[in-house]
PDB file of all heavy atoms in Angstrom:
ATOM      1  N   SER A   1      15.930   5.406  -6.135  1.00  0.00           N
ATOM      2  CA  SER A   1      15.866   6.378  -7.190  1.00  0.00           C
ATOM      3  C   SER A   1      17.121   7.274  -7.288  1.00  0.00           C
ATOM      4  O   SER A   1      17.746   7.590  -8.290  1.00  0.00           O
ATOM      5  CB  SER A   1      14.636   7.331  -7.164  1.00  0.00           C
ATOM      6  OG  SER A   1      13.444   6.618  -7.264  1.00  0.00           O
ATOM      7  N   LEU A   2      17.746   7.642  -6.021  1.00  0.00           N
ATOM      8  CA  LEU A   2      18.859   8.396  -6.018  1.00  0.00           C
ATOM      9  C   LEU A   2      20.176   7.666  -6.304  1.00  0.00           C
ATOM     10  O   LEU A   2      20.986   8.077  -6.696  1.00  0.00           O
ATOM     11  CB  LEU A   2      18.871   8.870  -4.504  1.00  0.00           C
ATOM     12  CG  LEU A   2      17.989  10.136  -4.134  1.00  0.00           C
ATOM     13  CD1 LEU A   2      17.875  10.173  -2.751  1.00  0.00           C
ATOM     14  CD2 LEU A   2      18.412  11.440  -4.647  1.00  0.00           C
ATOM     15  N   GLY A   3      20.125   6.299  -5.812  1.00  0.00           N
ATOM     16  CA  GLY A   3      21.471   5.556  -5.995  1.00  0.00           C
ATOM     17  C   GLY A   3      22.221   5.599  -4.693  1.00  0.00           C
ATOM     18  O   GLY A   3      23.327   5.103  -4.617  1.00  0.00           O
ATOM     19  N   HIS A   4      21.697   6.248  -3.667  1.00  0.00           N
ATOM     20  CA  HIS A   4      22.510   6.344  -2.376  1.00  0.00           C
ATOM     21  C   HIS A   4      21.521   6.683  -1.265  1.00  0.00           C
ATOM     22  O   HIS A   4      20.246   6.875  -1.559  1.00  0.00           O
ATOM     23  CB  HIS A   4      23.654   7.462  -2.463  1.00  0.00           C
ATOM     24  CG  HIS A   4      23.001   8.767  -2.674  1.00  0.00           C
ATOM     25  ND1 HIS A   4      22.401   9.524  -1.599  1.00  0.00           N
ATOM     26  CD2 HIS A   4      22.863   9.575  -3.755  1.00  0.00           C
ATOM     27  CE1 HIS A   4      21.978  10.799  -2.040  1.00  0.00           C
ATOM     28  NE2 HIS A   4      22.294  10.716  -3.451  1.00  0.00           N
ATOM     29  N   SER A   5      21.942   6.382  -0.044  1.00  0.00           N
ATOM     30  CA  SER A   5      21.138   6.508   1.195  1.00  0.00           C
ATOM     31  C   SER A   5      21.059   7.985   1.518  1.00  0.00           C
ATOM     32  O   SER A   5      22.001   8.841   1.007  1.00  0.00           O
ATOM     33  CB  SER A   5      21.667   5.725   2.360  1.00  0.00           C
ATOM     34  OG  SER A   5      22.997   6.089   2.651  1.00  0.00           O
ATOM     35  N   PHE A   6      20.264   8.323   2.512  1.00  0.00           N
ATOM     36  CA  PHE A   6      20.150   9.627   3.056  1.00  0.00           C
ATOM     37  C   PHE A   6      19.925   9.569   4.482  1.00  0.00           C
ATOM     38  O   PHE A   6      19.522   8.545   5.050  1.00  0.00           O
ATOM     39  CB  PHE A   6      19.195  10.592   2.285  1.00  0.00           C
ATOM     40  CG  PHE A   6      17.762  10.174   2.478  1.00  0.00           C
ATOM     41  CD1 PHE A   6      16.967  10.584   3.474  1.00  0.00           C
ATOM     42  CD2 PHE A   6      17.172   9.249   1.494  1.00  0.00           C
ATOM     43  CE1 PHE A   6      15.593  10.164   3.689  1.00  0.00           C
ATOM     44  CE2 PHE A   6      15.839   8.928   1.755  1.00  0.00           C
ATOM     45  CZ  PHE A   6      15.070   9.392   2.722  1.00  0.00           C
ATOM     46  N   ASN A   7      20.131  10.695   5.305  1.00  0.00           N
ATOM     47  CA  ASN A   7      20.010  10.623   6.663  1.00  0.00           C
ATOM     48  C   ASN A   7      18.635  10.691   7.246  1.00  0.00           C
ATOM     49  O   ASN A   7      17.894  11.598   6.919  1.00  0.00           O
ATOM     50  CB  ASN A   7      20.775  12.012   7.263  1.00  0.00           C
ATOM     51  CG  ASN A   7      21.140  11.874   8.613  1.00  0.00           C
ATOM     52  OD1 ASN A   7      21.136  10.791   9.203  1.00  0.00           O
ATOM     53  ND2 ASN A   7      21.553  12.945   9.243  1.00  0.00           N
ATOM     54  N   TYR A   8      18.301   9.679   8.241  1.00  0.00           N
ATOM     55  CA  TYR A   8      17.032   9.733   8.795  1.00  0.00           C
ATOM     56  C   TYR A   8      17.115   8.983  10.073  1.00  0.00           C
ATOM     57  O   TYR A   8      18.190   8.339  10.529  1.00  0.00           O
ATOM     58  CB  TYR A   8      15.899   8.966   8.038  1.00  0.00           C
ATOM     59  CG  TYR A   8      16.044   7.510   7.903  1.00  0.00           C
ATOM     60  CD1 TYR A   8      15.643   6.716   8.845  1.00  0.00           C
ATOM     61  CD2 TYR A   8      16.724   6.995   6.742  1.00  0.00           C
ATOM     62  CE1 TYR A   8      15.764   5.265   8.570  1.00  0.00           C
ATOM     63  CE2 TYR A   8      17.006   5.530   6.573  1.00  0.00           C
ATOM     64  CZ  TYR A   8      16.407   4.759   7.584  1.00  0.00           C
ATOM     65  OH  TYR A   8      16.617   3.337   7.397  1.00  0.00           O
ATOM     66  N   GLU A   9      16.213   9.368  11.118  1.00  0.00           N
ATOM     67  CA  GLU A   9      16.142   8.881  12.434  1.00  0.00           C
ATOM     68  C   GLU A   9      14.859   8.327  12.787  1.00  0.00           C
ATOM     69  O   GLU A   9      13.877   8.814  12.183  1.00  0.00           O
ATOM     70  CB  GLU A   9      16.780   9.807  13.377  1.00  0.00           C
ATOM     71  CG  GLU A   9      15.842  11.124  13.551  1.00  0.00           C
ATOM     72  CD  GLU A   9      16.307  11.989  14.699  1.00  0.00           C
ATOM     73  OE1 GLU A   9      17.382  11.726  15.086  1.00  0.00           O
ATOM     74  OE2 GLU A   9      15.512  12.874  15.011  1.00  0.00           O
ATOM     75  N   ILE A  10      14.739   7.504  13.868  1.00  0.00           N
ATOM     76  CA  ILE A  10      13.409   7.055  14.436  1.00  0.00           C
ATOM     77  C   ILE A  10      13.092   7.952  15.495  1.00  0.00           C
ATOM     78  O   ILE A  10      13.831   8.059  16.456  1.00  0.00           O
ATOM     79  CB  ILE A  10      13.436   5.611  14.677  1.00  0.00           C
ATOM     80  CG1 ILE A  10      13.821   4.810  13.572  1.00  0.00           C
ATOM     81  CG2 ILE A  10      12.046   5.292  15.168  1.00  0.00           C
ATOM     82  CD1 ILE A  10      12.961   4.791  12.264  1.00  0.00           C
ATOM     83  N   GLY A  11      11.849   8.509  15.548  1.00  0.00           N
ATOM     84  CA  GLY A  11      11.418   9.318  16.740  1.00  0.00           C
ATOM     85  C   GLY A  11      10.092   8.775  17.123  1.00  0.00           C
ATOM     86  O   GLY A  11       9.761   7.691  16.868  1.00  0.00           O
ATOM     87  N   PRO A  12       9.520   9.466  18.222  1.00  0.00           N
ATOM     88  CA  PRO A  12       8.342   8.893  18.786  1.00  0.00           C
ATOM     89  C   PRO A  12       7.139   9.149  17.911  1.00  0.00           C
ATOM     90  O   PRO A  12       7.146   9.743  16.916  1.00  0.00           O
ATOM     91  CB  PRO A  12       8.221   9.752  20.089  1.00  0.00           C
ATOM     92  CG  PRO A  12       8.935  11.119  19.746  1.00  0.00           C
ATOM     93  CD  PRO A  12      10.139  10.644  18.853  1.00  0.00           C
ATOM     94  N   ARG A  13       6.128   8.381  18.185  1.00  0.00           N
ATOM     95  CA  ARG A  13       4.918   8.429  17.380  1.00  0.00           C
ATOM     96  C   ARG A  13       4.350   9.875  17.375  1.00  0.00           C
ATOM     97  O   ARG A  13       4.465  10.635  18.391  1.00  0.00           O
ATOM     98  CB  ARG A  13       3.807   7.559  17.954  1.00  0.00           C
ATOM     99  CG  ARG A  13       4.082   5.976  17.801  1.00  0.00           C
ATOM    100  CD  ARG A  13       2.866   5.214  18.318  1.00  0.00           C
ATOM    101  NE  ARG A  13       3.109   3.750  18.299  1.00  0.00           N
ATOM    102  CZ  ARG A  13       2.132   2.862  18.402  1.00  0.00           C
ATOM    103  NH1 ARG A  13       0.892   3.218  18.682  1.00  0.00           N
ATOM    104  NH2 ARG A  13       2.471   1.558  18.257  1.00  0.00           N
ATOM    105  N   ARG A  14       3.741  10.217  16.336  1.00  0.00           N
ATOM    106  CA  ARG A  14       3.145  11.604  16.209  1.00  0.00           C
ATOM    107  C   ARG A  14       1.691  11.627  16.587  1.00  0.00           C
ATOM    108  O   ARG A  14       0.912  10.676  16.109  1.00  0.00           O
ATOM    109  CB  ARG A  14       3.368  12.097  14.862  1.00  0.00           C
ATOM    110  CG  ARG A  14       2.918  13.497  14.681  1.00  0.00           C
ATOM    111  CD  ARG A  14       3.507  14.064  13.277  1.00  0.00           C
ATOM    112  NE  ARG A  14       2.854  13.146  12.088  1.00  0.00           N
ATOM    113  CZ  ARG A  14       3.189  13.385  10.960  1.00  0.00           C
ATOM    114  NH1 ARG A  14       4.175  14.425  10.476  1.00  0.00           N
ATOM    115  NH2 ARG A  14       2.854  12.505   9.908  1.00  0.00           N
ATOM    116  N   GLU A  15       1.171  12.455  17.354  1.00  0.00           N
ATOM    117  CA  GLU A  15      -0.105  12.580  17.681  1.00  0.00           C
ATOM    118  C   GLU A  15      -1.127  12.716  16.607  1.00  0.00           C
ATOM    119  O   GLU A  15      -0.863  13.410  15.636  1.00  0.00           O
ATOM    120  CB  GLU A  15      -0.464  13.813  18.731  1.00  0.00           C
ATOM    121  CG  GLU A  15      -1.885  13.842  19.222  1.00  0.00           C
ATOM    122  CD  GLU A  15      -2.018  15.063  20.151  1.00  0.00           C
ATOM    123  OE1 GLU A  15      -1.071  15.746  20.372  1.00  0.00           O
ATOM    124  OE2 GLU A  15      -3.235  15.163  20.637  1.00  0.00           O
ATOM    125  N   GLY A  16      -2.224  11.949  16.538  1.00  0.00           N
ATOM    126  CA  GLY A  16      -3.087  12.006  15.399  1.00  0.00           C
ATOM    127  C   GLY A  16      -2.881  11.073  14.392  1.00  0.00           C
ATOM    128  O   GLY A  16      -3.824  10.919  13.312  1.00  0.00           O
ATOM    129  N   ASP A  17      -1.811  10.318  14.182  1.00  0.00           N
ATOM    130  CA  ASP A  17      -1.490   9.400  13.150  1.00  0.00           C
ATOM    131  C   ASP A  17      -2.137   8.063  13.366  1.00  0.00           C
ATOM    132  O   ASP A  17      -2.035   7.482  14.429  1.00  0.00           O
ATOM    133  CB  ASP A  17       0.092   9.207  13.018  1.00  0.00           C
ATOM    134  CG  ASP A  17       0.764  10.394  12.344  1.00  0.00           C
ATOM    135  OD1 ASP A  17       0.017  10.943  11.651  1.00  0.00           O
ATOM    136  OD2 ASP A  17       2.036  10.296  12.380  1.00  0.00           O
ATOM    137  N   LEU A  18      -2.699   7.503  12.256  1.00  0.00           N
ATOM    138  CA  LEU A  18      -3.394   6.217  12.310  1.00  0.00           C
ATOM    139  C   LEU A  18      -2.195   5.267  11.836  1.00  0.00           C
ATOM    140  O   LEU A  18      -1.335   5.529  11.068  1.00  0.00           O
ATOM    141  CB  LEU A  18      -4.496   6.146  11.317  1.00  0.00           C
ATOM    142  CG  LEU A  18      -5.772   6.847  11.703  1.00  0.00           C
ATOM    143  CD1 LEU A  18      -6.807   6.672  10.566  1.00  0.00           C
ATOM    144  CD2 LEU A  18      -6.252   6.337  12.943  1.00  0.00           C
ATOM    145  N   PRO A  19      -2.246   4.024  12.353  1.00  0.00           N
ATOM    146  CA  PRO A  19      -1.066   3.012  12.011  1.00  0.00           C
ATOM    147  C   PRO A  19      -1.286   2.682  10.384  1.00  0.00           C
ATOM    148  O   PRO A  19      -0.236   2.637   9.785  1.00  0.00           O
ATOM    149  CB  PRO A  19      -1.465   1.863  12.762  1.00  0.00           C
ATOM    150  CG  PRO A  19      -2.234   2.307  13.980  1.00  0.00           C
ATOM    151  CD  PRO A  19      -3.041   3.446  13.455  1.00  0.00           C
ATOM    152  N   VAL A  20      -2.485   2.517   9.949  1.00  0.00           N
ATOM    153  CA  VAL A  20      -2.722   2.003   8.585  1.00  0.00           C
ATOM    154  C   VAL A  20      -3.991   2.726   7.995  1.00  0.00           C
ATOM    155  O   VAL A  20      -4.992   2.786   8.632  1.00  0.00           O
ATOM    156  CB  VAL A  20      -2.983   0.531   8.630  1.00  0.00           C
ATOM    157  CG1 VAL A  20      -3.192   0.075   7.091  1.00  0.00           C
ATOM    158  CG2 VAL A  20      -1.824  -0.278   9.214  1.00  0.00           C
ATOM    159  N   ALA A  21      -3.739   3.283   6.720  1.00  0.00           N
ATOM    160  CA  ALA A  21      -4.862   3.744   6.051  1.00  0.00           C
ATOM    161  C   ALA A  21      -4.680   3.665   4.558  1.00  0.00           C
ATOM    162  O   ALA A  21      -3.711   4.224   4.054  1.00  0.00           O
ATOM    163  CB  ALA A  21      -4.995   5.284   6.399  1.00  0.00           C
ATOM    164  N   TYR A  22      -5.575   2.967   3.845  1.00  0.00           N
ATOM    165  CA  TYR A  22      -5.545   2.853   2.407  1.00  0.00           C
ATOM    166  C   TYR A  22      -6.976   2.621   1.871  1.00  0.00           C
ATOM    167  O   TYR A  22      -7.780   2.327   2.619  1.00  0.00           O
ATOM    168  CB  TYR A  22      -4.612   1.844   2.052  1.00  0.00           C
ATOM    169  CG  TYR A  22      -4.883   0.370   2.248  1.00  0.00           C
ATOM    170  CD1 TYR A  22      -5.535  -0.528   1.441  1.00  0.00           C
ATOM    171  CD2 TYR A  22      -4.452  -0.208   3.520  1.00  0.00           C
ATOM    172  CE1 TYR A  22      -5.656  -1.740   1.595  1.00  0.00           C
ATOM    173  CE2 TYR A  22      -4.832  -1.583   3.891  1.00  0.00           C
ATOM    174  CZ  TYR A  22      -5.419  -2.333   2.958  1.00  0.00           C
ATOM    175  OH  TYR A  22      -5.626  -3.558   3.245  1.00  0.00           O
ATOM    176  N   ALA A  23      -7.109   2.822   0.634  1.00  0.00           N
ATOM    177  CA  ALA A  23      -8.474   2.951   0.077  1.00  0.00           C
ATOM    178  C   ALA A  23      -8.930   1.755  -0.490  1.00  0.00           C
ATOM    179  O   ALA A  23      -8.105   0.913  -1.131  1.00  0.00           O
ATOM    180  CB  ALA A  23      -8.455   4.071  -1.071  1.00  0.00           C
ATOM    181  N   ASN A  24     -10.194   1.474  -0.635  1.00  0.00           N
ATOM    182  CA  ASN A  24     -10.843   0.685  -1.507  1.00  0.00           C
ATOM    183  C   ASN A  24     -11.265   1.528  -2.730  1.00  0.00           C
ATOM    184  O   ASN A  24     -11.916   2.422  -2.406  1.00  0.00           O
ATOM    185  CB  ASN A  24     -12.078   0.023  -0.933  1.00  0.00           C
ATOM    186  CG  ASN A  24     -12.921  -0.978  -1.852  1.00  0.00           C
ATOM    187  OD1 ASN A  24     -13.246  -0.605  -2.956  1.00  0.00           O
ATOM    188  ND2 ASN A  24     -13.187  -2.222  -1.440  1.00  0.00           N
ATOM    189  N   THR A  25     -10.810   1.199  -3.982  1.00  0.00           N
ATOM    190  CA  THR A  25     -10.988   2.143  -4.932  1.00  0.00           C
ATOM    191  C   THR A  25     -12.100   1.733  -6.081  1.00  0.00           C
ATOM    192  O   THR A  25     -12.130   2.320  -7.167  1.00  0.00           O
ATOM    193  CB  THR A  25      -9.761   2.438  -5.681  1.00  0.00           C
ATOM    194  OG1 THR A  25      -9.149   1.200  -6.219  1.00  0.00           O
ATOM    195  CG2 THR A  25      -8.667   3.105  -4.763  1.00  0.00           C
ATOM    196  N   LEU A  26     -12.746   0.566  -5.733  1.00  0.00           N
ATOM    197  CA  LEU A  26     -13.654  -0.052  -6.742  1.00  0.00           C
ATOM    198  C   LEU A  26     -14.736   1.075  -7.228  1.00  0.00           C
ATOM    199  O   LEU A  26     -15.084   1.086  -8.385  1.00  0.00           O
ATOM    200  CB  LEU A  26     -14.321  -1.154  -6.098  1.00  0.00           C
ATOM    201  CG  LEU A  26     -15.291  -1.981  -7.020  1.00  0.00           C
ATOM    202  CD1 LEU A  26     -14.460  -2.552  -8.182  1.00  0.00           C
ATOM    203  CD2 LEU A  26     -16.016  -3.128  -6.230  1.00  0.00           C
ATOM    204  N   LYS A  27     -15.384   1.781  -6.384  1.00  0.00           N
ATOM    205  CA  LYS A  27     -16.417   2.731  -6.812  1.00  0.00           C
ATOM    206  C   LYS A  27     -15.987   3.772  -7.830  1.00  0.00           C
ATOM    207  O   LYS A  27     -16.604   4.012  -8.757  1.00  0.00           O
ATOM    208  CB  LYS A  27     -17.044   3.489  -5.489  1.00  0.00           C
ATOM    209  CG  LYS A  27     -18.225   4.374  -5.889  1.00  0.00           C
ATOM    210  CD  LYS A  27     -18.804   4.973  -4.542  1.00  0.00           C
ATOM    211  CE  LYS A  27     -19.910   5.786  -4.888  1.00  0.00           C
ATOM    212  NZ  LYS A  27     -20.526   6.565  -3.769  1.00  0.00           N
ATOM    213  N   ALA A  28     -14.745   4.259  -7.481  1.00  0.00           N
ATOM    214  CA  ALA A  28     -14.231   5.333  -8.443  1.00  0.00           C
ATOM    215  C   ALA A  28     -13.989   4.659  -9.814  1.00  0.00           C
ATOM    216  O   ALA A  28     -14.107   5.193 -10.923  1.00  0.00           O
ATOM    217  CB  ALA A  28     -12.972   5.981  -7.914  1.00  0.00           C
ATOM    218  N   LYS A  29     -13.423   3.374  -9.886  1.00  0.00           N
ATOM    219  CA  LYS A  29     -13.183   2.635 -10.990  1.00  0.00           C
ATOM    220  C   LYS A  29     -14.468   2.431 -11.861  1.00  0.00           C
ATOM    221  O   LYS A  29     -14.535   2.480 -13.103  1.00  0.00           O
ATOM    222  CB  LYS A  29     -12.399   1.296 -10.724  1.00  0.00           C
ATOM    223  CG  LYS A  29     -10.957   1.458 -10.214  1.00  0.00           C
ATOM    224  CD  LYS A  29     -10.358   0.142  -9.922  1.00  0.00           C
ATOM    225  CE  LYS A  29      -8.975   0.327  -9.314  1.00  0.00           C
ATOM    226  NZ  LYS A  29      -8.433  -1.002  -8.943  1.00  0.00           N
ATOM    227  N   GLU A  30     -15.510   1.887 -11.161  1.00  0.00           N
ATOM    228  CA  GLU A  30     -16.645   1.522 -11.748  1.00  0.00           C
ATOM    229  C   GLU A  30     -17.498   2.741 -12.295  1.00  0.00           C
ATOM    230  O   GLU A  30     -18.059   2.805 -13.248  1.00  0.00           O
ATOM    231  CB  GLU A  30     -17.600   0.687 -10.894  1.00  0.00           C
ATOM    232  CG  GLU A  30     -17.008  -0.568 -10.529  1.00  0.00           C
ATOM    233  CD  GLU A  30     -17.864  -1.473  -9.751  1.00  0.00           C
ATOM    234  OE1 GLU A  30     -18.824  -0.979  -9.002  1.00  0.00           O
ATOM    235  OE2 GLU A  30     -17.656  -2.669  -9.700  1.00  0.00           O
ATOM    236  N   ILE A  31     -17.542   3.821 -11.561  1.00  0.00           N
ATOM    237  CA  ILE A  31     -18.469   4.898 -11.811  1.00  0.00           C
ATOM    238  C   ILE A  31     -17.763   6.114 -12.563  1.00  0.00           C
ATOM    239  O   ILE A  31     -18.168   6.614 -13.462  1.00  0.00           O
ATOM    240  CB  ILE A  31     -19.166   5.538 -10.513  1.00  0.00           C
ATOM    241  CG1 ILE A  31     -19.996   4.360 -10.084  1.00  0.00           C
ATOM    242  CG2 ILE A  31     -20.007   6.660 -10.836  1.00  0.00           C
ATOM    243  CD1 ILE A  31     -20.628   4.691  -8.694  1.00  0.00           C
ATOM    244  N   LEU A  32     -16.497   6.528 -12.115  1.00  0.00           N
ATOM    245  CA  LEU A  32     -15.901   7.578 -12.664  1.00  0.00           C
ATOM    246  C   LEU A  32     -14.892   6.954 -13.850  1.00  0.00           C
ATOM    247  O   LEU A  32     -14.362   7.834 -14.550  1.00  0.00           O
ATOM    248  CB  LEU A  32     -14.945   8.269 -11.655  1.00  0.00           C
ATOM    249  CG  LEU A  32     -15.769   8.884 -10.423  1.00  0.00           C
ATOM    250  CD1 LEU A  32     -14.662   9.642  -9.515  1.00  0.00           C
ATOM    251  CD2 LEU A  32     -16.860   9.930 -10.943  1.00  0.00           C
ATOM    252  N   GLN A  33     -14.725   5.757 -13.807  1.00  0.00           N
ATOM    253  CA  GLN A  33     -13.677   5.193 -14.794  1.00  0.00           C
ATOM    254  C   GLN A  33     -12.404   5.626 -14.504  1.00  0.00           C
ATOM    255  O   GLN A  33     -11.583   6.005 -15.411  1.00  0.00           O
ATOM    256  CB  GLN A  33     -14.055   5.622 -16.245  1.00  0.00           C
ATOM    257  CG  GLN A  33     -15.484   5.039 -16.763  1.00  0.00           C
ATOM    258  CD  GLN A  33     -15.680   3.508 -16.524  1.00  0.00           C
ATOM    259  OE1 GLN A  33     -14.985   2.829 -17.157  1.00  0.00           O
ATOM    260  NE2 GLN A  33     -16.674   3.023 -15.805  1.00  0.00           N
ATOM    261  N   PHE A  34     -12.016   5.822 -13.121  1.00  0.00           N
ATOM    262  CA  PHE A  34     -10.804   6.359 -12.709  1.00  0.00           C
ATOM    263  C   PHE A  34      -9.931   5.193 -12.071  1.00  0.00           C
ATOM    264  O   PHE A  34     -10.389   4.563 -11.269  1.00  0.00           O
ATOM    265  CB  PHE A  34     -10.899   7.549 -11.684  1.00  0.00           C
ATOM    266  CG  PHE A  34      -9.680   7.993 -11.108  1.00  0.00           C
ATOM    267  CD1 PHE A  34      -8.753   8.699 -11.717  1.00  0.00           C
ATOM    268  CD2 PHE A  34      -9.364   7.516  -9.794  1.00  0.00           C
ATOM    269  CE1 PHE A  34      -7.473   8.975 -11.201  1.00  0.00           C
ATOM    270  CE2 PHE A  34      -8.228   7.811  -9.201  1.00  0.00           C
ATOM    271  CZ  PHE A  34      -7.255   8.488  -9.859  1.00  0.00           C
ATOM    272  N   CYS A  35      -8.737   5.194 -12.579  1.00  0.00           N
ATOM    273  CA  CYS A  35      -7.697   4.243 -11.954  1.00  0.00           C
ATOM    274  C   CYS A  35      -6.369   4.881 -11.816  1.00  0.00           C
ATOM    275  O   CYS A  35      -5.840   5.375 -12.950  1.00  0.00           O
ATOM    276  CB  CYS A  35      -7.665   2.993 -12.707  1.00  0.00           C
ATOM    277  SG  CYS A  35      -6.513   1.719 -12.034  1.00  0.00           S
ATOM    278  N   ALA A  36      -5.744   4.895 -10.782  1.00  0.00           N
ATOM    279  CA  ALA A  36      -4.463   5.655 -10.614  1.00  0.00           C
ATOM    280  C   ALA A  36      -3.395   4.624 -11.318  1.00  0.00           C
ATOM    281  O   ALA A  36      -3.451   3.397 -11.143  1.00  0.00           O
ATOM    282  CB  ALA A  36      -4.017   5.717  -9.092  1.00  0.00           C
ATOM    283  N   LYS A  37      -2.434   5.225 -12.093  1.00  0.00           N
ATOM    284  CA  LYS A  37      -1.652   4.437 -12.978  1.00  0.00           C
ATOM    285  C   LYS A  37      -0.137   4.490 -12.465  1.00  0.00           C
ATOM    286  O   LYS A  37       0.634   3.683 -12.765  1.00  0.00           O
ATOM    287  CB  LYS A  37      -1.645   4.967 -14.398  1.00  0.00           C
ATOM    288  CG  LYS A  37      -3.010   4.786 -15.019  1.00  0.00           C
ATOM    289  CD  LYS A  37      -3.055   5.504 -16.312  1.00  0.00           C
ATOM    290  CE  LYS A  37      -4.425   5.458 -16.953  1.00  0.00           C
ATOM    291  NZ  LYS A  37      -4.527   6.162 -18.277  1.00  0.00           N
ATOM    292  N   ARG A  38       0.257   5.470 -11.752  1.00  0.00           N
ATOM    293  CA  ARG A  38       1.762   5.683 -11.458  1.00  0.00           C
ATOM    294  C   ARG A  38       2.175   4.908 -10.272  1.00  0.00           C
ATOM    295  O   ARG A  38       1.328   4.892  -9.230  1.00  0.00           O
ATOM    296  CB  ARG A  38       2.106   7.204 -11.447  1.00  0.00           C
ATOM    297  CG  ARG A  38       1.870   7.941 -12.600  1.00  0.00           C
ATOM    298  CD  ARG A  38       1.795   9.456 -12.439  1.00  0.00           C
ATOM    299  NE  ARG A  38       1.836  10.214 -13.729  1.00  0.00           N
ATOM    300  CZ  ARG A  38       0.626  10.483 -14.312  1.00  0.00           C
ATOM    301  NH1 ARG A  38      -0.482  10.176 -13.977  1.00  0.00           N
ATOM    302  NH2 ARG A  38       0.800  11.223 -15.367  1.00  0.00           N
ATOM    303  N   SER A  39       3.338   4.573 -10.203  1.00  0.00           N
ATOM    304  CA  SER A  39       3.982   3.672  -9.101  1.00  0.00           C
ATOM    305  C   SER A  39       4.592   4.405  -8.076  1.00  0.00           C
ATOM    306  O   SER A  39       4.848   5.787  -8.390  1.00  0.00           O
ATOM    307  CB  SER A  39       4.929   2.662  -9.683  1.00  0.00           C
ATOM    308  OG  SER A  39       6.094   3.357 -10.126  1.00  0.00           O
ATOM    309  N   ILE A  40       5.081   3.903  -6.921  1.00  0.00           N
ATOM    310  CA  ILE A  40       5.609   4.499  -5.851  1.00  0.00           C
ATOM    311  C   ILE A  40       7.077   5.019  -6.446  1.00  0.00           C
ATOM    312  O   ILE A  40       7.602   6.192  -6.016  1.00  0.00           O
ATOM    313  CB  ILE A  40       5.913   3.700  -4.608  1.00  0.00           C
ATOM    314  CG1 ILE A  40       6.318   4.602  -3.356  1.00  0.00           C
ATOM    315  CG2 ILE A  40       6.704   2.590  -4.804  1.00  0.00           C
ATOM    316  CD1 ILE A  40       5.151   5.512  -2.929  1.00  0.00           C
ATOM    317  N   ASP A  41       7.607   4.279  -7.317  1.00  0.00           N
ATOM    318  CA  ASP A  41       8.973   4.709  -7.918  1.00  0.00           C
ATOM    319  C   ASP A  41       8.671   6.029  -8.726  1.00  0.00           C
ATOM    320  O   ASP A  41       9.517   6.905  -8.792  1.00  0.00           O
ATOM    321  CB  ASP A  41       9.514   3.656  -8.816  1.00  0.00           C
ATOM    322  CG  ASP A  41      10.008   2.413  -7.930  1.00  0.00           C
ATOM    323  OD1 ASP A  41      10.412   2.633  -6.777  1.00  0.00           O
ATOM    324  OD2 ASP A  41      10.125   1.319  -8.459  1.00  0.00           O
TER     325      ASP A  41
END
């Protein structure tokens, strides 16, 4: 999005962080008629 890089470094793991977490969203789609539309970009 920026068109250039920025400064970052790799540090140690942070206490309390899970490696992977993402949702199954089927229930919200079916019952609430809700679906997220926007991308990571």
